[in-house]
Amino acid sequence: MWTIIMILLASTVIAMLEIPTLRKKRQYKDFVVFCCLLLLGTILSIAQSLRMKLPNPLDLITFVFQPVSEFILGLLQ
């Protein structure tokens, strides 16, 4: 429970430091991207602290490029 509170506290501090600067400079696109990435990072950090099984991005890359690799190896043999 304490880890979740600390993650939320850290995210809040980061947001309080960055958001006023982005709004002051009228960087609304950067503001939206920042908020989305901060929210995604916060959610993934909380999920990891709860020991949830998170997918590995390398599995997706392997799934996509494995047929391409086999095709190229078939051409070279």
N, C-alpha and C. Protein backbone atom coordinates (compact mmCIF):
# COMPACT_ATOMS: atom_id res chain seq x y z
N MET A 1 0.81 -1.19 0.00
CA MET A 1 0.00 0.00 0.00
C MET A 1 0.86 1.26 0.00
N TRP A 2 1.96 1.20 0.74
CA TRP A 2 2.83 2.38 0.80
C TRP A 2 3.48 2.66 -0.54
N THR A 3 3.77 1.62 -1.30
CA THR A 3 4.40 1.85 -2.60
C THR A 3 3.45 2.58 -3.54
N ILE A 4 2.18 2.24 -3.49
CA ILE A 4 1.20 2.92 -4.34
C ILE A 4 1.08 4.39 -3.95
N ILE A 5 1.06 4.63 -2.64
CA ILE A 5 0.99 6.02 -2.17
C ILE A 5 2.22 6.80 -2.61
N MET A 6 3.38 6.19 -2.52
CA MET A 6 4.61 6.87 -2.93
C MET A 6 4.64 7.13 -4.44
N ILE A 7 4.15 6.19 -5.23
CA ILE A 7 4.08 6.37 -6.69
C ILE A 7 3.15 7.52 -7.02
N LEU A 8 1.98 7.55 -6.39
CA LEU A 8 1.04 8.64 -6.63
C LEU A 8 1.60 9.99 -6.17
N LEU A 9 2.31 9.99 -5.06
CA LEU A 9 2.92 11.21 -4.56
C LEU A 9 4.00 11.71 -5.53
N ALA A 10 4.83 10.80 -6.02
CA ALA A 10 5.87 11.19 -6.98
C ALA A 10 5.27 11.71 -8.27
N SER A 11 4.22 11.06 -8.74
CA SER A 11 3.56 11.53 -9.97
C SER A 11 2.94 12.91 -9.77
N THR A 12 2.37 13.14 -8.61
CA THR A 12 1.78 14.44 -8.32
C THR A 12 2.84 15.53 -8.27
N VAL A 13 3.97 15.24 -7.66
CA VAL A 13 5.05 16.22 -7.58
C VAL A 13 5.58 16.53 -8.98
N ILE A 14 5.77 15.52 -9.79
CA ILE A 14 6.24 15.73 -11.17
C ILE A 14 5.25 16.58 -11.94
N ALA A 15 3.97 16.27 -11.79
CA ALA A 15 2.94 17.04 -12.49
C ALA A 15 2.91 18.49 -12.02
N MET A 16 3.05 18.70 -10.71
CA MET A 16 3.02 20.06 -10.18
C MET A 16 4.23 20.88 -10.64
N LEU A 17 5.34 20.22 -10.92
CA LEU A 17 6.52 20.93 -11.40
C LEU A 17 6.44 21.25 -12.89
N GLU A 18 5.86 20.36 -13.67
CA GLU A 18 5.90 20.50 -15.12
C GLU A 18 4.68 21.19 -15.73
N ILE A 19 3.51 20.91 -15.22
CA ILE A 19 2.29 21.42 -15.84
C ILE A 19 2.20 22.95 -15.87
N PRO A 20 2.53 23.65 -14.79
CA PRO A 20 2.45 25.12 -14.88
C PRO A 20 3.35 25.71 -15.96
N THR A 21 4.52 25.13 -16.14
CA THR A 21 5.44 25.62 -17.17
C THR A 21 4.87 25.40 -18.56
N LEU A 22 4.29 24.24 -18.79
CA LEU A 22 3.71 23.95 -20.10
C LEU A 22 2.51 24.85 -20.39
N ARG A 23 1.69 25.08 -19.40
CA ARG A 23 0.52 25.95 -19.61
C ARG A 23 0.94 27.40 -19.79
N LYS A 24 1.96 27.82 -19.07
CA LYS A 24 2.44 29.21 -19.17
C LYS A 24 3.00 29.50 -20.55
N LYS A 25 3.70 28.52 -21.12
CA LYS A 25 4.28 28.68 -22.45
C LYS A 25 3.29 28.33 -23.56
N ARG A 26 2.05 27.97 -23.18
CA ARG A 26 0.99 27.61 -24.12
C ARG A 26 1.37 26.45 -25.04
N GLN A 27 2.02 25.47 -24.47
CA GLN A 27 2.42 24.28 -25.21
C GLN A 27 1.39 23.18 -24.94
N TYR A 28 0.23 23.33 -25.57
CA TYR A 28 -0.89 22.46 -25.27
C TYR A 28 -0.69 21.04 -25.81
N LYS A 29 -0.04 20.90 -26.95
CA LYS A 29 0.22 19.55 -27.47
C LYS A 29 1.20 18.82 -26.55
N ASP A 30 2.23 19.51 -26.11
CA ASP A 30 3.18 18.91 -25.18
C ASP A 30 2.50 18.57 -23.85
N PHE A 31 1.57 19.41 -23.44
CA PHE A 31 0.81 19.18 -22.22
C PHE A 31 0.01 17.88 -22.30
N VAL A 32 -0.66 17.66 -23.42
CA VAL A 32 -1.46 16.45 -23.60
C VAL A 32 -0.57 15.21 -23.63
N VAL A 33 0.54 15.29 -24.36
CA VAL A 33 1.47 14.15 -24.44
C VAL A 33 2.06 13.87 -23.06
N PHE A 34 2.46 14.92 -22.35
CA PHE A 34 3.02 14.75 -21.01
C PHE A 34 2.03 14.07 -20.08
N CYS A 35 0.79 14.53 -20.10
CA CYS A 35 -0.23 13.94 -19.22
C CYS A 35 -0.48 12.47 -19.56
N CYS A 36 -0.55 12.15 -20.85
CA CYS A 36 -0.76 10.76 -21.26
C CYS A 36 0.39 9.86 -20.83
N LEU A 37 1.61 10.31 -21.04
CA LEU A 37 2.77 9.50 -20.66
C LEU A 37 2.91 9.37 -19.15
N LEU A 38 2.62 10.44 -18.42
CA LEU A 38 2.69 10.37 -16.96
C LEU A 38 1.62 9.42 -16.44
N LEU A 39 0.42 9.49 -17.00
CA LEU A 39 -0.65 8.59 -16.58
C LEU A 39 -0.30 7.14 -16.89
N LEU A 40 0.21 6.88 -18.09
CA LEU A 40 0.60 5.53 -18.47
C LEU A 40 1.71 5.00 -17.55
N GLY A 41 2.70 5.82 -17.29
CA GLY A 41 3.79 5.41 -16.40
C GLY A 41 3.31 5.14 -14.99
N THR A 42 2.40 5.97 -14.51
CA THR A 42 1.85 5.78 -13.17
C THR A 42 1.07 4.47 -13.09
N ILE A 43 0.23 4.22 -14.08
CA ILE A 43 -0.57 2.99 -14.09
C ILE A 43 0.32 1.76 -14.16
N LEU A 44 1.33 1.79 -15.02
CA LEU A 44 2.23 0.63 -15.13
C LEU A 44 3.04 0.43 -13.85
N SER A 45 3.45 1.51 -13.21
CA SER A 45 4.20 1.39 -11.95
C SER A 45 3.34 0.80 -10.85
N ILE A 46 2.09 1.23 -10.77
CA ILE A 46 1.19 0.68 -9.76
C ILE A 46 0.92 -0.80 -10.05
N ALA A 47 0.71 -1.14 -11.31
CA ALA A 47 0.47 -2.54 -11.67
C ALA A 47 1.68 -3.41 -11.31
N GLN A 48 2.88 -2.89 -11.55
CA GLN A 48 4.07 -3.65 -11.23
C GLN A 48 4.23 -3.79 -9.71
N SER A 49 3.89 -2.75 -8.97
CA SER A 49 4.00 -2.84 -7.51
C SER A 49 2.99 -3.82 -6.93
N LEU A 50 1.88 -4.03 -7.64
CA LEU A 50 0.89 -5.02 -7.21
C LEU A 50 1.21 -6.42 -7.71
N ARG A 51 2.37 -6.57 -8.34
CA ARG A 51 2.86 -7.85 -8.87
C ARG A 51 1.92 -8.45 -9.91
N MET A 52 1.34 -7.58 -10.73
CA MET A 52 0.51 -8.05 -11.84
C MET A 52 1.42 -8.48 -12.98
N LYS A 53 0.98 -9.43 -13.76
CA LYS A 53 1.77 -9.89 -14.90
C LYS A 53 1.61 -8.88 -16.04
N LEU A 54 2.70 -8.23 -16.39
CA LEU A 54 2.70 -7.24 -17.46
C LEU A 54 3.32 -7.86 -18.71
N PRO A 55 2.77 -7.55 -19.88
CA PRO A 55 3.33 -8.12 -21.10
C PRO A 55 4.71 -7.55 -21.40
N ASN A 56 5.54 -8.39 -22.00
CA ASN A 56 6.88 -7.99 -22.38
C ASN A 56 6.84 -7.44 -23.81
N PRO A 57 7.30 -6.21 -24.05
CA PRO A 57 7.27 -5.66 -25.41
C PRO A 57 8.11 -6.48 -26.40
N LEU A 58 9.11 -7.17 -25.91
CA LEU A 58 9.96 -7.96 -26.79
C LEU A 58 9.19 -9.12 -27.41
N ASP A 59 8.19 -9.64 -26.71
CA ASP A 59 7.36 -10.71 -27.27
C ASP A 59 6.62 -10.24 -28.52
N LEU A 60 6.11 -9.02 -28.51
CA LEU A 60 5.42 -8.46 -29.67
C LEU A 60 6.38 -8.28 -30.84
N ILE A 61 7.57 -7.77 -30.56
CA ILE A 61 8.56 -7.58 -31.61
C ILE A 61 8.94 -8.92 -32.23
N THR A 62 9.14 -9.93 -31.40
CA THR A 62 9.47 -11.26 -31.90
C THR A 62 8.34 -11.83 -32.74
N PHE A 63 7.11 -11.65 -32.31
CA PHE A 63 5.95 -12.13 -33.05
C PHE A 63 5.86 -11.49 -34.43
N VAL A 64 6.17 -10.21 -34.52
CA VAL A 64 6.06 -9.48 -35.79
C VAL A 64 7.20 -9.86 -36.74
N PHE A 65 8.42 -9.92 -36.22
CA PHE A 65 9.57 -10.09 -37.09
C PHE A 65 10.01 -11.53 -37.31
N GLN A 66 9.47 -12.49 -36.59
CA GLN A 66 9.84 -13.89 -36.78
C GLN A 66 9.52 -14.38 -38.19
N PRO A 67 8.33 -14.12 -38.75
CA PRO A 67 8.07 -14.57 -40.13
C PRO A 67 8.99 -13.89 -41.15
N VAL A 68 9.31 -12.65 -40.93
CA VAL A 68 10.22 -11.94 -41.85
C VAL A 68 11.59 -12.59 -41.81
N SER A 69 12.06 -12.91 -40.60
CA SER A 69 13.36 -13.55 -40.45
C SER A 69 13.39 -14.91 -41.14
N GLU A 70 12.34 -15.69 -40.95
CA GLU A 70 12.28 -17.01 -41.58
C GLU A 70 12.23 -16.90 -43.11
N PHE A 71 11.53 -15.90 -43.61
CA PHE A 71 11.45 -15.69 -45.06
C PHE A 71 12.82 -15.35 -45.64
N ILE A 72 13.53 -14.45 -44.97
CA ILE A 72 14.86 -14.05 -45.47
C ILE A 72 15.83 -15.22 -45.37
N LEU A 73 15.78 -15.99 -44.29
CA LEU A 73 16.66 -17.15 -44.17
C LEU A 73 16.33 -18.19 -45.24
N GLY A 74 15.06 -18.35 -45.58
CA GLY A 74 14.67 -19.27 -46.65
C GLY A 74 15.21 -18.84 -48.01
N LEU A 75 15.25 -17.52 -48.25
CA LEU A 75 15.80 -17.02 -49.51
C LEU A 75 17.31 -17.21 -49.59
N LEU A 76 17.99 -17.10 -48.49
CA LEU A 76 19.45 -17.19 -48.49
C LEU A 76 19.97 -18.62 -48.52
N GLN A 77 19.15 -19.60 -48.22
CA GLN A 77 19.64 -20.99 -48.21
C GLN A 77 19.48 -21.67 -49.54
